[in-house]
Protein backbone atom coordinates (compact mmCIF):
# COMPACT_ATOMS: atom_id res chain seq x y z
CA UNK A 1 10.31 -4.57 -0.88
CA UNK A 2 13.14 -4.23 -3.40
CA UNK A 3 12.06 -2.13 -6.14
CA UNK A 4 13.63 -3.30 -9.91
CA UNK A 5 16.11 -0.38 -11.44
CA UNK A 6 15.08 2.59 -13.16
CA UNK A 7 15.65 2.49 -16.80
CA UNK A 8 18.28 0.41 -19.11
CA UNK A 9 21.40 0.14 -18.38
CA UNK A 10 20.69 1.26 -14.72
CA UNK A 11 21.99 -1.34 -11.98
CA UNK A 12 20.61 0.09 -8.91
CA UNK A 13 18.57 -1.84 -6.98
CA UNK A 14 17.19 -0.47 -3.33
CA UNK A 15 15.09 -1.48 -0.69
CA UNK A 16 12.11 1.01 -0.34
CA UNK A 17 9.40 0.54 2.73
CA UNK A 18 6.21 -1.21 1.96
CA UNK A 19 3.92 0.94 0.68
CA UNK A 20 1.53 1.28 4.19
CA UNK A 21 4.48 2.22 5.84
CA UNK A 22 5.35 4.82 3.49
CA UNK A 23 2.14 6.40 3.63
CA UNK A 24 2.44 6.74 7.60
CA UNK A 25 6.07 8.47 6.94
CA UNK A 26 4.46 10.87 4.35
CA UNK A 27 1.26 11.71 6.78
CA UNK A 28 3.65 12.12 9.79
CA UNK A 29 6.20 15.00 7.31
CA UNK A 30 2.99 16.07 6.12
CA UNK A 31 1.54 16.48 9.52
CA UNK A 32 4.52 18.29 10.56
CA UNK A 33 4.90 20.80 7.44
CA UNK A 34 1.48 22.30 8.53
CA UNK A 35 1.75 22.32 12.74
CA UNK A 36 5.20 22.49 13.18
CA UNK A 37 4.87 19.95 16.04
CA UNK A 38 8.30 18.21 16.58
CA UNK A 39 6.53 15.06 17.44
CA UNK A 40 5.33 14.43 14.15
CA UNK A 41 8.62 15.32 12.53
CA UNK A 42 10.07 12.72 15.19
CA UNK A 43 7.79 10.18 14.89
CA UNK A 44 8.13 9.75 11.10
CA UNK A 45 12.16 9.95 10.98
CA UNK A 46 11.97 7.13 13.65
CA UNK A 47 10.00 4.57 11.10
CA UNK A 48 12.09 5.50 8.55
CA UNK A 49 15.28 5.11 10.28
CA UNK A 50 13.56 2.02 12.33
CA UNK A 51 12.78 0.41 8.70
CA UNK A 52 16.40 0.56 7.15
CA UNK A 53 18.30 0.05 10.73
CA UNK A 54 20.15 3.08 10.99
CA UNK A 55 20.68 6.06 14.02
CA UNK A 56 18.87 8.90 13.03
CA UNK A 57 20.84 11.83 11.65
CA UNK A 58 21.51 14.78 13.26
CA UNK A 59 18.88 17.29 11.54
CA UNK A 60 19.93 20.93 12.10
CA UNK A 61 16.97 23.83 10.91
CA UNK A 62 17.58 26.66 8.95
CA UNK A 63 15.76 29.68 7.49
CA UNK A 64 17.74 29.51 4.64
CA UNK A 65 20.77 27.67 3.18
CA UNK A 66 23.19 29.08 0.73
CA UNK A 67 21.09 32.46 0.53
CA UNK A 68 18.22 30.49 -0.20
CA UNK A 69 19.99 28.39 -3.23
CA UNK A 70 19.65 25.16 -1.35
CA UNK A 71 16.72 23.20 0.21
CA UNK A 72 19.06 20.93 1.81
CA UNK A 73 22.02 19.17 2.31
CA UNK A 74 23.71 16.03 3.49
CA UNK A 75 27.26 16.19 5.06
CA UNK A 76 29.69 12.89 5.37
CA UNK A 77 28.97 12.92 9.17
CA UNK A 78 25.56 12.29 9.14
CA UNK A 79 24.32 15.76 10.25
CA UNK A 80 21.38 17.30 7.39
CA UNK A 81 20.49 20.72 7.26
CA UNK A 82 17.11 21.44 5.93
CA UNK A 83 15.01 24.45 5.37
CA UNK A 84 12.30 24.78 8.55
CA UNK A 85 8.90 24.57 6.69
CA UNK A 86 7.81 27.85 8.37
CA UNK A 87 10.58 28.92 6.02
CA UNK A 88 10.28 26.92 3.14
CA UNK A 89 7.44 29.57 1.19
CA UNK A 90 10.37 32.25 1.18
CA UNK A 91 12.55 32.28 -2.03
CA UNK A 92 11.28 29.15 -3.23
CA UNK A 93 10.12 28.81 -6.91
CA UNK A 94 7.87 25.59 -5.43
CA UNK A 95 6.44 26.73 -2.60
CA UNK A 96 4.46 23.29 -1.60
CA UNK A 97 4.05 21.16 0.81
CA UNK A 98 5.02 18.09 -1.66
CA UNK A 99 7.99 19.61 -2.56
CA UNK A 100 9.57 20.28 0.92
CA UNK A 101 8.83 16.36 1.63
CA UNK A 102 10.16 15.65 -1.36
CA UNK A 103 13.26 17.69 -0.66
CA UNK A 104 13.25 15.61 2.71
CA UNK A 105 13.13 12.20 0.89
CA UNK A 106 16.27 12.93 -1.10
CA UNK A 107 18.65 14.19 1.40
CA UNK A 108 17.31 10.84 3.48
CA UNK A 109 18.68 9.39 0.35
CA UNK A 110 22.07 10.60 0.47
CA UNK A 111 22.06 9.90 4.02
CA UNK A 112 21.65 6.13 3.20
CA UNK A 113 23.45 6.36 -0.20
CA UNK A 114 26.57 7.60 -0.17
CA UNK A 115 28.16 6.06 -3.36
CA UNK A 116 26.74 7.93 -6.71
CA UNK A 117 24.94 9.40 -4.38
CA UNK A 118 23.27 12.08 -6.58
CA UNK A 119 21.42 9.71 -8.87
CA UNK A 120 20.73 7.67 -6.68
CA UNK A 121 19.03 9.94 -4.03
CA UNK A 122 16.74 11.07 -7.01
CA UNK A 123 15.72 7.53 -7.53
CA UNK A 124 14.96 7.16 -3.98
CA UNK A 125 12.63 10.02 -3.57
CA UNK A 126 10.81 8.89 -6.76
CA UNK A 127 10.29 5.67 -5.44
CA UNK A 128 9.10 6.67 -1.95
CA UNK A 129 6.57 8.67 -3.22
CA UNK A 130 5.15 6.40 -6.08
CA UNK A 131 1.87 5.30 -5.09
CA UNK A 132 1.25 7.73 -2.62
CA UNK A 133 -0.84 10.07 -4.94
CA UNK A 134 -3.38 7.58 -5.94
CA UNK A 135 -5.80 8.68 -2.44
CA UNK A 136 -5.64 12.24 -3.79
CA UNK A 137 -8.55 13.87 -5.31
CA UNK A 138 -8.29 15.34 -8.58
CA UNK A 139 -8.21 18.59 -7.82
CA UNK A 140 -5.24 18.64 -5.83
CA UNK A 141 -3.50 16.83 -8.48
CA UNK A 142 -3.82 19.57 -10.59
CA UNK A 143 -2.73 22.29 -7.88
CA UNK A 144 0.66 20.74 -8.16
CA UNK A 145 3.68 21.84 -10.01
CA UNK A 146 5.10 20.59 -12.95
CA UNK A 147 7.93 19.11 -10.68
CA UNK A 148 5.72 17.25 -8.54
CA UNK A 149 3.99 15.77 -11.28
CA UNK A 150 7.39 14.45 -12.22
CA UNK A 151 7.32 12.50 -9.27
CA UNK A 152 3.59 11.33 -9.64
CA UNK A 153 2.14 7.93 -10.22
CA UNK A 154 1.09 7.05 -14.08
CA UNK A 155 -2.58 7.46 -13.25
CA UNK A 156 -1.80 11.18 -11.96
CA UNK A 157 0.66 11.94 -14.78
CA UNK A 158 -2.42 10.65 -17.04
CA UNK A 159 -4.70 13.30 -15.29
CA UNK A 160 -2.92 16.34 -16.23
CA UNK A 161 0.75 15.98 -15.92
CA UNK A 162 1.96 14.80 -19.55
CA UNK A 163 2.12 17.98 -21.40
CA UNK A 164 4.57 19.42 -18.04
CA UNK A 165 7.11 16.57 -18.38
CA UNK A 166 6.83 17.08 -21.94
CA UNK A 167 7.79 20.72 -21.55
CA UNK A 168 10.43 19.19 -18.96
CA UNK A 169 11.73 16.93 -21.35
CA UNK A 170 12.41 19.33 -24.06
CA UNK A 171 13.72 22.13 -21.90
CA UNK A 172 16.10 19.47 -20.56
CA UNK A 173 17.56 19.07 -24.44
CA UNK A 174 17.55 22.78 -24.84
CA UNK A 175 19.98 22.62 -21.36
CA UNK A 176 21.99 19.22 -23.09
CA UNK A 177 22.62 21.20 -26.46
CA UNK A 178 23.69 24.21 -24.74
CA UNK A 179 26.40 22.26 -22.39
CA UNK A 180 27.23 19.94 -25.71
CA UNK A 181 28.04 23.63 -27.54
CA UNK A 182 29.93 24.67 -24.45
CA UNK A 183 32.16 21.28 -24.33
CA UNK A 184 32.74 21.54 -28.28
CA UNK A 185 34.10 25.29 -27.71
CA UNK A 186 36.19 24.61 -24.61
CA UNK A 187 38.00 21.48 -26.98
CA UNK A 188 38.17 23.85 -29.73
CA UNK A 189 40.07 26.80 -27.68
CA UNK A 190 42.66 24.28 -25.62
């Protein structure tokens, strides 16, 4: 399945697995998060790599990365450092299984797309989780943090995520305004 580019002016075309395969991968990652059985993770990673026709990356597990500031890191040689699910709840702002899975997708996005990696990894994460949430009940949707709702399907957003998304937009505008003031101050100095 080839997805259309996100937003106007974007020219990124990505191949993502069909929804049925994404559900299998997602269920394997969820099972690994809950049970910590390596076979579940290897099976999900194997399905992912088989679809894209790439070698499995070498994944190293850590208690924390960068003193708890980073959730995952991908290196040019194909190694990926991730926080192990057992340690995920320590020092994390959003301590949910969903956020751990989305971190995995983000790092796999880096692994697949080296050019313009950060933006493409974010788009890849959104597309991997699109459509997965429709099978979840309404109660579990409300329990997710606002950041997870950003990745949810449109129906999930209508069910309670609009205010959180709107709040996220206003927060990003504040940050952009602050960065603009800093840039103007720097250009005035130099």
